[in-house]
């Protein structure tokens, strides 16, 4: 069995994974079964384009909200919460607290890209 090597431990969003898989498919002309199924799934569920996703991710990072890590930002970009309750349900998974003002800023920023 082949030995797996982890090159990086950075979270990526759905739109980034979709873009990477499309690059690999274009380069190699085909994908293996799992990668192909993943790409099909991402075409169905991905809600944001690569360009808008990068802009939104950068905008959320620029908000400079305390204790908000990259993994939380990626999940917000993936799910694009519209309400405060949706945002709370995303944030509580990561056991961080964010003030109401910061939540409003996040929702305002996300609403610009929906």
Protein backbone atom coordinates (compact mmCIF):
# COMPACT_ATOMS: atom_id res chain seq x y z
CA UNK A 1 0.00 0.00 0.00
CA UNK A 2 1.25 3.48 -0.84
CA UNK A 3 2.43 5.66 2.01
CA UNK A 4 0.37 8.82 2.42
CA UNK A 5 2.28 12.06 2.91
CA UNK A 6 0.47 15.13 4.22
CA UNK A 7 1.98 18.15 2.50
CA UNK A 8 -0.15 20.80 4.14
CA UNK A 9 -2.68 21.05 6.93
CA UNK A 10 -4.58 24.13 5.73
CA UNK A 11 -8.36 24.18 5.49
CA UNK A 12 -9.76 24.86 2.02
CA UNK A 13 -13.26 25.76 0.94
CA UNK A 14 -15.47 23.86 -1.47
CA UNK A 15 -14.87 26.36 -4.26
CA UNK A 16 -11.08 25.94 -3.89
CA UNK A 17 -11.31 22.15 -3.96
CA UNK A 18 -13.58 22.29 -7.00
CA UNK A 19 -11.08 24.54 -8.79
CA UNK A 20 -8.15 22.25 -7.94
CA UNK A 21 -10.00 19.15 -9.15
CA UNK A 22 -10.92 20.90 -12.40
CA UNK A 23 -7.25 21.84 -12.92
CA UNK A 24 -6.19 18.22 -12.35
CA UNK A 25 -8.89 16.95 -14.71
CA UNK A 26 -7.79 19.41 -17.39
CA UNK A 27 -4.14 18.45 -16.93
CA UNK A 28 -4.56 14.66 -16.71
CA UNK A 29 -7.67 14.42 -18.94
CA UNK A 30 -9.39 12.23 -16.32
CA UNK A 31 -9.90 11.75 -12.60
CA UNK A 32 -10.04 8.62 -10.50
CA UNK A 33 -13.42 7.43 -9.24
CA UNK A 34 -13.37 9.25 -5.88
CA UNK A 35 -12.10 12.51 -7.31
CA UNK A 36 -14.69 12.38 -10.09
CA UNK A 37 -17.53 11.76 -7.61
CA UNK A 38 -16.24 14.58 -5.42
CA UNK A 39 -16.18 16.96 -8.38
CA UNK A 40 -19.75 15.98 -9.34
CA UNK A 41 -20.86 16.63 -5.75
CA UNK A 42 -19.12 20.00 -5.67
CA UNK A 43 -20.81 21.06 -8.91
CA UNK A 44 -24.16 20.37 -7.25
CA UNK A 45 -23.58 21.98 -3.86
CA UNK A 46 -21.02 24.72 -4.37
CA UNK A 47 -22.85 28.02 -4.03
CA UNK A 48 -20.16 30.50 -4.99
CA UNK A 49 -17.75 31.01 -7.88
CA UNK A 50 -13.99 30.80 -7.43
CA UNK A 51 -13.48 34.55 -7.88
CA UNK A 52 -16.29 35.55 -5.51
CA UNK A 53 -15.20 32.92 -3.01
CA UNK A 54 -11.67 34.33 -2.89
CA UNK A 55 -13.01 37.86 -2.49
CA UNK A 56 -15.37 36.82 0.31
CA UNK A 57 -12.66 34.84 2.09
CA UNK A 58 -10.32 37.85 1.93
CA UNK A 59 -13.08 40.19 3.12
CA UNK A 60 -13.80 37.95 6.12
CA UNK A 61 -10.10 37.79 6.99
CA UNK A 62 -9.89 41.59 6.70
CA UNK A 63 -12.65 41.95 9.31
CA UNK A 64 -9.98 40.80 11.78
CA UNK A 65 -12.41 39.19 14.20
CA UNK A 66 -10.70 37.88 17.33
CA UNK A 67 -10.35 34.07 17.66
CA UNK A 68 -11.87 33.40 14.23
CA UNK A 69 -9.62 30.84 12.57
CA UNK A 70 -9.25 29.90 8.91
CA UNK A 71 -11.35 26.76 9.34
CA UNK A 72 -14.30 28.87 10.55
CA UNK A 73 -13.89 31.29 7.67
CA UNK A 74 -13.86 28.40 5.18
CA UNK A 75 -17.04 26.96 6.68
CA UNK A 76 -18.77 30.36 6.52
CA UNK A 77 -17.79 30.70 2.85
CA UNK A 78 -19.02 27.15 2.14
CA UNK A 79 -22.40 27.57 3.82
CA UNK A 80 -23.05 31.29 3.22
CA UNK A 81 -25.26 31.91 6.27
CA UNK A 82 -28.10 34.37 5.75
CA UNK A 83 -29.37 34.71 9.31
CA UNK A 84 -27.82 35.13 12.70
CA UNK A 85 -29.11 31.71 13.76
CA UNK A 86 -27.41 30.01 10.81
CA UNK A 87 -24.16 31.80 11.64
CA UNK A 88 -24.44 30.83 15.32
CA UNK A 89 -24.89 27.18 14.39
CA UNK A 90 -21.69 27.30 12.33
CA UNK A 91 -19.68 29.09 15.01
CA UNK A 92 -20.77 26.96 17.96
CA UNK A 93 -19.24 23.86 16.35
CA UNK A 94 -15.81 25.45 16.84
CA UNK A 95 -16.42 26.55 20.45
CA UNK A 96 -15.72 30.22 19.91
CA UNK A 97 -17.76 33.24 20.86
CA UNK A 98 -18.28 36.19 18.59
CA UNK A 99 -19.97 39.44 19.59
CA UNK A 100 -23.28 40.48 18.06
CA UNK A 101 -21.60 43.39 16.27
CA UNK A 102 -19.04 41.06 14.68
CA UNK A 103 -21.83 38.66 13.66
CA UNK A 104 -23.64 41.52 11.96
CA UNK A 105 -20.43 42.47 10.14
CA UNK A 106 -19.96 38.87 8.98
CA UNK A 107 -23.56 38.60 7.75
CA UNK A 108 -23.31 41.96 5.99
CA UNK A 109 -20.11 40.86 4.25
CA UNK A 110 -21.58 37.48 3.25
CA UNK A 111 -24.80 39.09 1.95
CA UNK A 112 -22.75 41.08 -0.57
CA UNK A 113 -21.68 37.81 -2.25
CA UNK A 114 -24.95 35.89 -2.20
